[in-house]
């Protein structure tokens, strides 16, 4: 079982949350807390999932909760660098389209 890690990088007006490991039930509370903290800190949040190996429904739920929190503050949350099974989950749930970063922003993450 891969462990879960999250780190944040703050820049003016935005925060990037870099995730690695498994975003599953064991990581649910920490994942949600990290994402909500990022939303509280910046109007735009990028969630880099390049190093995430597994994303289950609890990980999806955390992303949706953070998305709604960001929208409630007139902000945005974007998921970037999804590949493999994580990209498949995002596509199947429709989150790939909902949380897609604008093309001009994808290059900067």
PDB file of N, CA and C in Angstrom:
ATOM      1  N   UNK A   1       0.851  -1.179   0.000  1.00  0.00           N
ATOM      2  CA  UNK A   1       0.000   0.000   0.000  1.00  0.00           C
ATOM      3  C   UNK A   1       0.894   1.238   0.000  1.00  0.00           C
ATOM      4  N   UNK A   2       0.662   2.149  -0.931  1.00  0.00           N
ATOM      5  CA  UNK A   2       1.426   3.392  -1.013  1.00  0.00           C
ATOM      6  C   UNK A   2       0.892   4.376   0.010  1.00  0.00           C
ATOM      7  N   UNK A   3       1.782   5.097   0.649  1.00  0.00           N
ATOM      8  CA  UNK A   3       1.350   6.094   1.609  1.00  0.00           C
ATOM      9  C   UNK A   3       0.901   7.352   0.869  1.00  0.00           C
ATOM     10  N   UNK A   4       0.191   8.175   1.581  1.00  0.00           N
ATOM     11  CA  UNK A   4      -0.320   9.419   1.021  1.00  0.00           C
ATOM     12  C   UNK A   4       0.534  10.581   1.522  1.00  0.00           C
ATOM     13  N   UNK A   5       0.870  11.471   0.620  1.00  0.00           N
ATOM     14  CA  UNK A   5       1.589  12.691   0.996  1.00  0.00           C
ATOM     15  C   UNK A   5       0.989  13.856   0.239  1.00  0.00           C
ATOM     16  N   UNK A   6       1.024  15.010   0.883  1.00  0.00           N
ATOM     17  CA  UNK A   6       0.550  16.242   0.254  1.00  0.00           C
ATOM     18  C   UNK A   6       1.462  17.376   0.682  1.00  0.00           C
ATOM     19  N   UNK A   7       1.820  18.193  -0.283  1.00  0.00           N
ATOM     20  CA  UNK A   7       2.567  19.408   0.044  1.00  0.00           C
ATOM     21  C   UNK A   7       1.986  20.537  -0.785  1.00  0.00           C
ATOM     22  N   UNK A   8       2.138  21.737  -0.275  1.00  0.00           N
ATOM     23  CA  UNK A   8       1.590  22.892  -0.977  1.00  0.00           C
ATOM     24  C   UNK A   8       2.705  23.876  -1.325  1.00  0.00           C
ATOM     25  N   UNK A   9       2.492  24.537  -2.436  1.00  0.00           N
ATOM     26  CA  UNK A   9       3.397  25.588  -2.894  1.00  0.00           C
ATOM     27  C   UNK A   9       2.531  26.818  -3.131  1.00  0.00           C
ATOM     28  N   UNK A  10       2.798  27.873  -2.374  1.00  0.00           N
ATOM     29  CA  UNK A  10       2.011  29.099  -2.491  1.00  0.00           C
ATOM     30  C   UNK A  10       2.728  30.106  -3.377  1.00  0.00           C
ATOM     31  N   UNK A  11       1.964  30.717  -4.248  1.00  0.00           N
ATOM     32  CA  UNK A  11       2.422  31.811  -5.100  1.00  0.00           C
ATOM     33  C   UNK A  11       1.363  32.897  -5.014  1.00  0.00           C
ATOM     34  N   UNK A  12       1.664  34.102  -5.428  1.00  0.00           N
ATOM     35  CA  UNK A  12       0.649  35.160  -5.370  1.00  0.00           C
ATOM     36  C   UNK A  12      -0.641  34.758  -6.107  1.00  0.00           C
ATOM     37  N   UNK A  13      -1.743  34.734  -5.373  1.00  0.00           N
ATOM     38  CA  UNK A  13      -3.044  34.442  -5.959  1.00  0.00           C
ATOM     39  C   UNK A  13      -3.362  32.989  -6.211  1.00  0.00           C
ATOM     40  N   UNK A  14      -2.404  32.087  -5.941  1.00  0.00           N
ATOM     41  CA  UNK A  14      -2.677  30.678  -6.221  1.00  0.00           C
ATOM     42  C   UNK A  14      -1.868  29.770  -5.292  1.00  0.00           C
ATOM     43  N   UNK A  15      -2.401  28.595  -5.112  1.00  0.00           N
ATOM     44  CA  UNK A  15      -1.719  27.549  -4.353  1.00  0.00           C
ATOM     45  C   UNK A  15      -1.749  26.293  -5.208  1.00  0.00           C
ATOM     46  N   UNK A  16      -0.621  25.590  -5.261  1.00  0.00           N
ATOM     47  CA  UNK A  16      -0.573  24.286  -5.906  1.00  0.00           C
ATOM     48  C   UNK A  16      -0.424  23.237  -4.817  1.00  0.00           C
ATOM     49  N   UNK A  17      -1.315  22.256  -4.840  1.00  0.00           N
ATOM     50  CA  UNK A  17      -1.256  21.132  -3.914  1.00  0.00           C
ATOM     51  C   UNK A  17      -0.704  19.956  -4.699  1.00  0.00           C
ATOM     52  N   UNK A  18       0.420  19.435  -4.258  1.00  0.00           N
ATOM     53  CA  UNK A  18       1.071  18.320  -4.940  1.00  0.00           C
ATOM     54  C   UNK A  18       0.819  17.060  -4.122  1.00  0.00           C
ATOM     55  N   UNK A  19       0.085  16.141  -4.725  1.00  0.00           N
ATOM     56  CA  UNK A  19      -0.299  14.903  -4.041  1.00  0.00           C
ATOM     57  C   UNK A  19       0.549  13.739  -4.540  1.00  0.00           C
ATOM     58  N   UNK A  20       0.775  12.766  -3.663  1.00  0.00           N
ATOM     59  CA  UNK A  20       1.431  11.530  -4.079  1.00  0.00           C
ATOM     60  C   UNK A  20       0.904  10.381  -3.231  1.00  0.00           C
ATOM     61  N   UNK A  21       1.002   9.183  -3.786  1.00  0.00           N
ATOM     62  CA  UNK A  21       0.517   7.991  -3.081  1.00  0.00           C
ATOM     63  C   UNK A  21      -0.915   7.675  -3.444  1.00  0.00           C
ATOM     64  N   UNK A  22      -1.643   7.153  -2.483  1.00  0.00           N
ATOM     65  CA  UNK A  22      -3.027   6.743  -2.693  1.00  0.00           C
ATOM     66  C   UNK A  22      -4.001   7.702  -2.035  1.00  0.00           C
ATOM     67  N   UNK A  23      -4.969   8.182  -2.802  1.00  0.00           N
ATOM     68  CA  UNK A  23      -6.035   9.038  -2.282  1.00  0.00           C
ATOM     69  C   UNK A  23      -7.243   8.136  -2.055  1.00  0.00           C
ATOM     70  N   UNK A  24      -7.261   7.523  -0.887  1.00  0.00           N
ATOM     71  CA  UNK A  24      -8.304   6.558  -0.553  1.00  0.00           C
ATOM     72  C   UNK A  24      -8.856   6.852   0.832  1.00  0.00           C
ATOM     73  N   UNK A  25      -9.601   5.906   1.390  1.00  0.00           N
ATOM     74  CA  UNK A  25     -10.265   6.099   2.679  1.00  0.00           C
ATOM     75  C   UNK A  25      -9.279   6.470   3.784  1.00  0.00           C
ATOM     76  N   UNK A  26      -8.102   5.887   3.781  1.00  0.00           N
ATOM     77  CA  UNK A  26      -7.135   6.188   4.840  1.00  0.00           C
ATOM     78  C   UNK A  26      -6.601   7.618   4.741  1.00  0.00           C
ATOM     79  N   UNK A  27      -6.666   8.210   3.564  1.00  0.00           N
ATOM     80  CA  UNK A  27      -6.169   9.575   3.363  1.00  0.00           C
ATOM     81  C   UNK A  27      -7.285  10.610   3.335  1.00  0.00           C
ATOM     82  N   UNK A  28      -8.515  10.179   3.415  1.00  0.00           N
ATOM     83  CA  UNK A  28      -9.672  11.065   3.213  1.00  0.00           C
ATOM     84  C   UNK A  28      -9.623  12.340   4.043  1.00  0.00           C
ATOM     85  N   UNK A  29      -9.472  12.208   5.348  1.00  0.00           N
ATOM     86  CA  UNK A  29      -9.532  13.385   6.210  1.00  0.00           C
ATOM     87  C   UNK A  29      -8.381  14.350   5.937  1.00  0.00           C
ATOM     88  N   UNK A  30      -7.189  13.817   5.781  1.00  0.00           N
ATOM     89  CA  UNK A  30      -6.027  14.681   5.518  1.00  0.00           C
ATOM     90  C   UNK A  30      -6.148  15.336   4.146  1.00  0.00           C
ATOM     91  N   UNK A  31      -6.563  14.569   3.150  1.00  0.00           N
ATOM     92  CA  UNK A  31      -6.732  15.116   1.804  1.00  0.00           C
ATOM     93  C   UNK A  31      -7.742  16.253   1.807  1.00  0.00           C
ATOM     94  N   UNK A  32      -8.877  16.034   2.420  1.00  0.00           N
ATOM     95  CA  UNK A  32      -9.911  17.066   2.476  1.00  0.00           C
ATOM     96  C   UNK A  32      -9.396  18.303   3.195  1.00  0.00           C
ATOM     97  N   UNK A  33      -8.707  18.110   4.316  1.00  0.00           N
ATOM     98  CA  UNK A  33      -8.185  19.244   5.083  1.00  0.00           C
ATOM     99  C   UNK A  33      -7.163  20.041   4.278  1.00  0.00           C
ATOM    100  N   UNK A  34      -6.274  19.354   3.588  1.00  0.00           N
ATOM    101  CA  UNK A  34      -5.251  20.037   2.780  1.00  0.00           C
ATOM    102  C   UNK A  34      -5.904  20.835   1.658  1.00  0.00           C
ATOM    103  N   UNK A  35      -6.870  20.235   0.987  1.00  0.00           N
ATOM    104  CA  UNK A  35      -7.538  20.932  -0.115  1.00  0.00           C
ATOM    105  C   UNK A  35      -8.328  22.140   0.376  1.00  0.00           C
ATOM    106  N   UNK A  36      -9.055  21.985   1.487  1.00  0.00           N
ATOM    107  CA  UNK A  36      -9.835  23.103   2.008  1.00  0.00           C
ATOM    108  C   UNK A  36      -8.932  24.217   2.515  1.00  0.00           C
ATOM    109  N   UNK A  37      -7.800  23.866   3.092  1.00  0.00           N
ATOM    110  CA  UNK A  37      -6.841  24.883   3.522  1.00  0.00           C
ATOM    111  C   UNK A  37      -6.325  25.670   2.310  1.00  0.00           C
ATOM    112  N   UNK A  38      -6.040  24.973   1.239  1.00  0.00           N
ATOM    113  CA  UNK A  38      -5.571  25.640   0.023  1.00  0.00           C
ATOM    114  C   UNK A  38      -6.637  26.582  -0.521  1.00  0.00           C
ATOM    115  N   UNK A  39      -7.877  26.141  -0.520  1.00  0.00           N
ATOM    116  CA  UNK A  39      -8.979  26.976  -0.994  1.00  0.00           C
ATOM    117  C   UNK A  39      -9.119  28.227  -0.121  1.00  0.00           C
ATOM    118  N   UNK A  40      -8.899  28.071   1.175  1.00  0.00           N
ATOM    119  CA  UNK A  40      -8.967  29.220   2.082  1.00  0.00           C
ATOM    120  C   UNK A  40      -7.837  30.216   1.828  1.00  0.00           C
ATOM    121  N   UNK A  41      -6.722  29.739   1.324  1.00  0.00           N
ATOM    122  CA  UNK A  41      -5.527  30.573   1.154  1.00  0.00           C
ATOM    123  C   UNK A  41      -5.446  31.292  -0.189  1.00  0.00           C
ATOM    124  N   UNK A  42      -6.128  30.802  -1.208  1.00  0.00           N
ATOM    125  CA  UNK A  42      -5.972  31.399  -2.538  1.00  0.00           C
ATOM    126  C   UNK A  42      -7.238  31.261  -3.363  1.00  0.00           C
ATOM    127  N   UNK A  43      -7.384  32.165  -4.312  1.00  0.00           N
ATOM    128  CA  UNK A  43      -8.540  32.127  -5.207  1.00  0.00           C
ATOM    129  C   UNK A  43      -8.463  31.032  -6.247  1.00  0.00           C
ATOM    130  N   UNK A  44      -7.249  30.622  -6.580  1.00  0.00           N
ATOM    131  CA  UNK A  44      -7.063  29.558  -7.559  1.00  0.00           C
ATOM    132  C   UNK A  44      -6.193  28.477  -6.940  1.00  0.00           C
ATOM    133  N   UNK A  45      -6.677  27.253  -7.025  1.00  0.00           N
ATOM    134  CA  UNK A  45      -5.948  26.103  -6.478  1.00  0.00           C
ATOM    135  C   UNK A  45      -5.744  25.092  -7.594  1.00  0.00           C
ATOM    136  N   UNK A  46      -4.501  24.665  -7.760  1.00  0.00           N
ATOM    137  CA  UNK A  46      -4.167  23.590  -8.679  1.00  0.00           C
ATOM    138  C   UNK A  46      -3.817  22.365  -7.859  1.00  0.00           C
ATOM    139  N   UNK A  47      -4.383  21.229  -8.218  1.00  0.00           N
ATOM    140  CA  UNK A  47      -4.099  19.972  -7.543  1.00  0.00           C
ATOM    141  C   UNK A  47      -3.342  19.095  -8.539  1.00  0.00           C
ATOM    142  N   UNK A  48      -2.069  18.905  -8.273  1.00  0.00           N
ATOM    143  CA  UNK A  48      -1.193  18.122  -9.152  1.00  0.00           C
ATOM    144  C   UNK A  48      -1.242  16.663  -8.702  1.00  0.00           C
ATOM    145  N   UNK A  49      -1.791  15.811  -9.548  1.00  0.00           N
ATOM    146  CA  UNK A  49      -1.972  14.392  -9.201  1.00  0.00           C
ATOM    147  C   UNK A  49      -1.026  13.480  -9.986  1.00  0.00           C
ATOM    148  N   UNK A  50       0.059  14.033 -10.520  1.00  0.00           N
ATOM    149  CA  UNK A  50       0.997  13.239 -11.329  1.00  0.00           C
ATOM    150  C   UNK A  50       1.534  12.031 -10.571  1.00  0.00           C
ATOM    151  N   UNK A  51       1.728  12.163  -9.258  1.00  0.00           N
ATOM    152  CA  UNK A  51       2.314  11.082  -8.464  1.00  0.00           C
ATOM    153  C   UNK A  51       1.275  10.289  -7.670  1.00  0.00           C
ATOM    154  N   UNK A  52       0.002  10.462  -8.006  1.00  0.00           N
ATOM    155  CA  UNK A  52      -1.065   9.691  -7.343  1.00  0.00           C
ATOM    156  C   UNK A  52      -1.242   8.381  -8.097  1.00  0.00           C
ATOM    157  N   UNK A  53      -1.168   7.281  -7.369  1.00  0.00           N
ATOM    158  CA  UNK A  53      -1.308   5.972  -7.991  1.00  0.00           C
ATOM    159  C   UNK A  53      -2.716   5.417  -7.949  1.00  0.00           C
ATOM    160  N   UNK A  54      -3.527   5.921  -7.002  1.00  0.00           N
ATOM    161  CA  UNK A  54      -4.870   5.379  -6.806  1.00  0.00           C
ATOM    162  C   UNK A  54      -5.778   6.485  -6.302  1.00  0.00           C
ATOM    163  N   UNK A  55      -6.961   6.572  -6.878  1.00  0.00           N
ATOM    164  CA  UNK A  55      -7.970   7.551  -6.480  1.00  0.00           C
ATOM    165  C   UNK A  55      -9.302   6.827  -6.401  1.00  0.00           C
ATOM    166  N   UNK A  56      -9.857   6.743  -5.184  1.00  0.00           N
ATOM    167  CA  UNK A  56     -11.156   6.082  -5.058  1.00  0.00           C
ATOM    168  C   UNK A  56     -12.249   7.124  -4.818  1.00  0.00           C
ATOM    169  N   UNK A  57     -13.447   6.670  -4.470  1.00  0.00           N
ATOM    170  CA  UNK A  57     -14.579   7.578  -4.315  1.00  0.00           C
ATOM    171  C   UNK A  57     -14.372   8.584  -3.189  1.00  0.00           C
ATOM    172  N   UNK A  58     -13.601   8.230  -2.164  1.00  0.00           N
ATOM    173  CA  UNK A  58     -13.350   9.204  -1.098  1.00  0.00           C
ATOM    174  C   UNK A  58     -12.415  10.313  -1.581  1.00  0.00           C
ATOM    175  N   UNK A  59     -11.488   9.976  -2.456  1.00  0.00           N
ATOM    176  CA  UNK A  59     -10.636  10.996  -3.065  1.00  0.00           C
ATOM    177  C   UNK A  59     -11.439  11.891  -3.987  1.00  0.00           C
ATOM    178  N   UNK A  60     -12.328  11.285  -4.761  1.00  0.00           N
ATOM    179  CA  UNK A  60     -13.224  12.048  -5.633  1.00  0.00           C
ATOM    180  C   UNK A  60     -14.075  12.986  -4.784  1.00  0.00           C
ATOM    181  N   UNK A  61     -14.604  12.477  -3.681  1.00  0.00           N
ATOM    182  CA  UNK A  61     -15.437  13.287  -2.790  1.00  0.00           C
ATOM    183  C   UNK A  61     -14.662  14.491  -2.261  1.00  0.00           C
ATOM    184  N   UNK A  62     -13.417  14.288  -1.853  1.00  0.00           N
ATOM    185  CA  UNK A  62     -12.598  15.396  -1.351  1.00  0.00           C
ATOM    186  C   UNK A  62     -12.415  16.466  -2.423  1.00  0.00           C
ATOM    187  N   UNK A  63     -12.188  16.052  -3.659  1.00  0.00           N
ATOM    188  CA  UNK A  63     -12.051  17.016  -4.757  1.00  0.00           C
ATOM    189  C   UNK A  63     -13.342  17.795  -4.984  1.00  0.00           C
ATOM    190  N   UNK A  64     -14.472  17.111  -4.912  1.00  0.00           N
ATOM    191  CA  UNK A  64     -15.764  17.769  -5.122  1.00  0.00           C
ATOM    192  C   UNK A  64     -16.055  18.748  -3.982  1.00  0.00           C
ATOM    193  N   UNK A  65     -15.784  18.342  -2.745  1.00  0.00           N
ATOM    194  CA  UNK A  65     -15.990  19.237  -1.595  1.00  0.00           C
ATOM    195  C   UNK A  65     -15.136  20.494  -1.755  1.00  0.00           C
ATOM    196  N   UNK A  66     -13.877  20.313  -2.120  1.00  0.00           N
ATOM    197  CA  UNK A  66     -12.984  21.457  -2.292  1.00  0.00           C
ATOM    198  C   UNK A  66     -13.424  22.328  -3.472  1.00  0.00           C
ATOM    199  N   UNK A  67     -13.891  21.707  -4.533  1.00  0.00           N
ATOM    200  CA  UNK A  67     -14.399  22.464  -5.685  1.00  0.00           C
ATOM    201  C   UNK A  67     -15.563  23.354  -5.254  1.00  0.00           C
ATOM    202  N   UNK A  68     -16.510  22.787  -4.509  1.00  0.00           N
ATOM    203  CA  UNK A  68     -17.663  23.569  -4.052  1.00  0.00           C
ATOM    204  C   UNK A  68     -17.230  24.690  -3.108  1.00  0.00           C
ATOM    205  N   UNK A  69     -16.268  24.412  -2.241  1.00  0.00           N
ATOM    206  CA  UNK A  69     -15.766  25.449  -1.340  1.00  0.00           C
ATOM    207  C   UNK A  69     -15.118  26.577  -2.131  1.00  0.00           C
ATOM    208  N   UNK A  70     -14.343  26.222  -3.140  1.00  0.00           N
ATOM    209  CA  UNK A  70     -13.700  27.246  -3.979  1.00  0.00           C
ATOM    210  C   UNK A  70     -14.747  28.081  -4.706  1.00  0.00           C
ATOM    211  N   UNK A  71     -15.726  27.432  -5.293  1.00  0.00           N
ATOM    212  CA  UNK A  71     -16.776  28.154  -6.019  1.00  0.00           C
ATOM    213  C   UNK A  71     -17.552  29.062  -5.074  1.00  0.00           C
ATOM    214  N   UNK A  72     -17.773  28.603  -3.821  1.00  0.00           N
ATOM    215  CA  UNK A  72     -18.467  29.426  -2.829  1.00  0.00           C
ATOM    216  C   UNK A  72     -17.717  30.695  -2.486  1.00  0.00           C
ATOM    217  N   UNK A  73     -16.430  30.717  -2.764  1.00  0.00           N
ATOM    218  CA  UNK A  73     -15.588  31.901  -2.529  1.00  0.00           C
ATOM    219  C   UNK A  73     -15.251  32.601  -3.842  1.00  0.00           C
ATOM    220  N   UNK A  74     -15.960  32.263  -4.907  1.00  0.00           N
ATOM    221  CA  UNK A  74     -15.708  32.799  -6.251  1.00  0.00           C
ATOM    222  C   UNK A  74     -14.313  32.421  -6.741  1.00  0.00           C
ATOM    223  N   UNK A  75     -13.818  31.274  -6.308  1.00  0.00           N
ATOM    224  CA  UNK A  75     -12.512  30.786  -6.726  1.00  0.00           C
ATOM    225  C   UNK A  75     -12.638  29.591  -7.652  1.00  0.00           C
ATOM    226  N   UNK A  76     -11.496  28.992  -7.942  1.00  0.00           N
ATOM    227  CA  UNK A  76     -11.467  27.815  -8.829  1.00  0.00           C
ATOM    228  C   UNK A  76     -10.494  26.795  -8.280  1.00  0.00           C
ATOM    229  N   UNK A  77     -10.820  25.528  -8.500  1.00  0.00           N
ATOM    230  CA  UNK A  77      -9.944  24.412  -8.180  1.00  0.00           C
ATOM    231  C   UNK A  77      -9.780  23.602  -9.452  1.00  0.00           C
ATOM    232  N   UNK A  78      -8.531  23.330  -9.816  1.00  0.00           N
ATOM    233  CA  UNK A  78      -8.220  22.601 -11.038  1.00  0.00           C
ATOM    234  C   UNK A  78      -7.353  21.392 -10.714  1.00  0.00           C
ATOM    235  N   UNK A  79      -7.606  20.286 -11.390  1.00  0.00           N
ATOM    236  CA  UNK A  79      -6.756  19.095 -11.265  1.00  0.00           C
ATOM    237  C   UNK A  79      -5.885  19.021 -12.516  1.00  0.00           C
ATOM    238  N   UNK A  80      -4.586  18.810 -12.308  1.00  0.00           N
ATOM    239  CA  UNK A  80      -3.651  18.761 -13.432  1.00  0.00           C
ATOM    240  C   UNK A  80      -2.772  17.516 -13.339  1.00  0.00           C
ATOM    241  N   UNK A  81      -2.250  17.131 -14.486  1.00  0.00           N
ATOM    242  CA  UNK A  81      -1.271  16.044 -14.618  1.00  0.00           C
ATOM    243  C   UNK A  81      -1.807  14.659 -14.264  1.00  0.00           C
ATOM    244  N   UNK A  82      -3.071  14.420 -14.497  1.00  0.00           N
ATOM    245  CA  UNK A  82      -3.652  13.093 -14.250  1.00  0.00           C
ATOM    246  C   UNK A  82      -3.291  12.147 -15.389  1.00  0.00           C
ATOM    247  N   UNK A  83      -2.872  10.946 -15.028  1.00  0.00           N
ATOM    248  CA  UNK A  83      -2.554   9.915 -16.010  1.00  0.00           C
ATOM    249  C   UNK A  83      -3.074   8.570 -15.504  1.00  0.00           C
ATOM    250  N   UNK A  84      -3.070   7.592 -16.386  1.00  0.00           N
ATOM    251  CA  UNK A  84      -3.401   6.213 -16.019  1.00  0.00           C
ATOM    252  C   UNK A  84      -4.738   6.069 -15.331  1.00  0.00           C
ATOM    253  N   UNK A  85      -4.793   5.224 -14.284  1.00  0.00           N
ATOM    254  CA  UNK A  85      -6.057   4.953 -13.593  1.00  0.00           C
ATOM    255  C   UNK A  85      -6.682   6.202 -12.971  1.00  0.00           C
ATOM    256  N   UNK A  86      -5.863   7.135 -12.521  1.00  0.00           N
ATOM    257  CA  UNK A  86      -6.406   8.368 -11.934  1.00  0.00           C
ATOM    258  C   UNK A  86      -7.135   9.174 -13.005  1.00  0.00           C
ATOM    259  N   UNK A  87      -6.554   9.291 -14.185  1.00  0.00           N
ATOM    260  CA  UNK A  87      -7.213   9.994 -15.288  1.00  0.00           C
ATOM    261  C   UNK A  87      -8.509   9.289 -15.669  1.00  0.00           C
ATOM    262  N   UNK A  88      -8.505   7.969 -15.616  1.00  0.00           N
ATOM    263  CA  UNK A  88      -9.716   7.208 -15.944  1.00  0.00           C
ATOM    264  C   UNK A  88     -10.830   7.512 -14.952  1.00  0.00           C
ATOM    265  N   UNK A  89     -10.525   7.525 -13.664  1.00  0.00           N
ATOM    266  CA  UNK A  89     -11.534   7.836 -12.640  1.00  0.00           C
ATOM    267  C   UNK A  89     -12.073   9.248 -12.849  1.00  0.00           C
ATOM    268  N   UNK A  90     -11.192  10.188 -13.094  1.00  0.00           N
ATOM    269  CA  UNK A  90     -11.636  11.565 -13.315  1.00  0.00           C
ATOM    270  C   UNK A  90     -12.527  11.664 -14.551  1.00  0.00           C
ATOM    271  N   UNK A  91     -12.176  10.938 -15.601  1.00  0.00           N
ATOM    272  CA  UNK A  91     -12.988  10.957 -16.823  1.00  0.00           C
ATOM    273  C   UNK A  91     -14.343  10.308 -16.582  1.00  0.00           C
ATOM    274  N   UNK A  92     -14.372   9.160 -15.904  1.00  0.00           N
ATOM    275  CA  UNK A  92     -15.626   8.447 -15.658  1.00  0.00           C
ATOM    276  C   UNK A  92     -16.588   9.237 -14.775  1.00  0.00           C
ATOM    277  N   UNK A  93     -16.049  10.040 -13.875  1.00  0.00           N
ATOM    278  CA  UNK A  93     -16.892  10.824 -12.974  1.00  0.00           C
ATOM    279  C   UNK A  93     -17.231  12.206 -13.535  1.00  0.00           C
ATOM    280  N   UNK A  94     -16.608  12.576 -14.643  1.00  0.00           N
ATOM    281  CA  UNK A  94     -16.835  13.889 -15.228  1.00  0.00           C
ATOM    282  C   UNK A  94     -15.982  14.989 -14.612  1.00  0.00           C
ATOM    283  N   UNK A  95     -15.155  14.637 -13.634  1.00  0.00           N
ATOM    284  CA  UNK A  95     -14.318  15.641 -12.992  1.00  0.00           C
ATOM    285  C   UNK A  95     -13.203  16.146 -13.901  1.00  0.00           C
ATOM    286  N   UNK A  96     -12.825  15.343 -14.880  1.00  0.00           N
ATOM    287  CA  UNK A  96     -11.790  15.810 -15.808  1.00  0.00           C
ATOM    288  C   UNK A  96     -12.229  17.095 -16.500  1.00  0.00           C
ATOM    289  N   UNK A  97     -13.479  17.157 -16.911  1.00  0.00           N
ATOM    290  CA  UNK A  97     -14.001  18.356 -17.572  1.00  0.00           C
ATOM    291  C   UNK A  97     -14.309  19.460 -16.565  1.00  0.00           C
ATOM    292  N   UNK A  98     -14.901  19.102 -15.452  1.00  0.00           N
ATOM    293  CA  UNK A  98     -15.285  20.091 -14.440  1.00  0.00           C
ATOM    294  C   UNK A  98     -14.081  20.799 -13.841  1.00  0.00           C
ATOM    295  N   UNK A  99     -13.002  20.052 -13.595  1.00  0.00           N
ATOM    296  CA  UNK A  99     -11.847  20.610 -12.896  1.00  0.00           C
ATOM    297  C   UNK A  99     -10.653  20.867 -13.810  1.00  0.00           C
ATOM    298  N   UNK A 100     -10.871  20.854 -15.113  1.00  0.00           N
ATOM    299  CA  UNK A 100      -9.788  21.084 -16.079  1.00  0.00           C
ATOM    300  C   UNK A 100      -9.313  22.536 -16.000  1.00  0.00           C
ATOM    301  N   UNK A 101      -8.017  22.705 -15.963  1.00  0.00           N
ATOM    302  CA  UNK A 101      -7.430  24.046 -15.950  1.00  0.00           C
ATOM    303  C   UNK A 101      -7.497  24.634 -17.355  1.00  0.00           C
ATOM    304  N   UNK A 102      -7.658  25.936 -17.451  1.00  0.00           N
ATOM    305  CA  UNK A 102      -7.593  26.567 -18.773  1.00  0.00           C
ATOM    306  C   UNK A 102      -6.238  26.283 -19.417  1.00  0.00           C
ATOM    307  N   UNK A 103      -6.200  26.165 -20.724  1.00  0.00           N
ATOM    308  CA  UNK A 103      -4.972  25.833 -21.432  1.00  0.00           C
ATOM    309  C   UNK A 103      -3.832  26.789 -21.099  1.00  0.00           C
ATOM    310  N   UNK A 104      -4.145  28.045 -20.903  1.00  0.00           N
ATOM    311  CA  UNK A 104      -3.093  29.016 -20.589  1.00  0.00           C
ATOM    312  C   UNK A 104      -2.492  28.772 -19.225  1.00  0.00           C
ATOM    313  N   UNK A 105      -3.208  28.141 -18.326  1.00  0.00           N
ATOM    314  CA  UNK A 105      -2.715  27.877 -16.972  1.00  0.00           C
ATOM    315  C   UNK A 105      -2.009  26.537 -16.860  1.00  0.00           C
ATOM    316  N   UNK A 106      -2.350  25.578 -17.704  1.00  0.00           N
ATOM    317  CA  UNK A 106      -1.770  24.227 -17.601  1.00  0.00           C
ATOM    318  C   UNK A 106      -0.260  24.239 -17.781  1.00  0.00           C
ATOM    319  N   UNK A 107       0.238  25.143 -18.588  1.00  0.00           N
ATOM    320  CA  UNK A 107       1.677  25.190 -18.834  1.00  0.00           C
ATOM    321  C   UNK A 107       2.456  25.658 -17.617  1.00  0.00           C
ATOM    322  N   UNK A 108       1.806  26.347 -16.708  1.00  0.00           N
ATOM    323  CA  UNK A 108       2.512  26.965 -15.577  1.00  0.00           C
ATOM    324  C   UNK A 108       2.512  26.089 -14.338  1.00  0.00           C
ATOM    325  N   UNK A 109       1.938  24.934 -14.396  1.00  0.00           N
ATOM    326  CA  UNK A 109       1.871  24.071 -13.223  1.00  0.00           C
ATOM    327  C   UNK A 109       2.856  22.941 -13.350  1.00  0.00           C
TER     328      UNK A 109
END
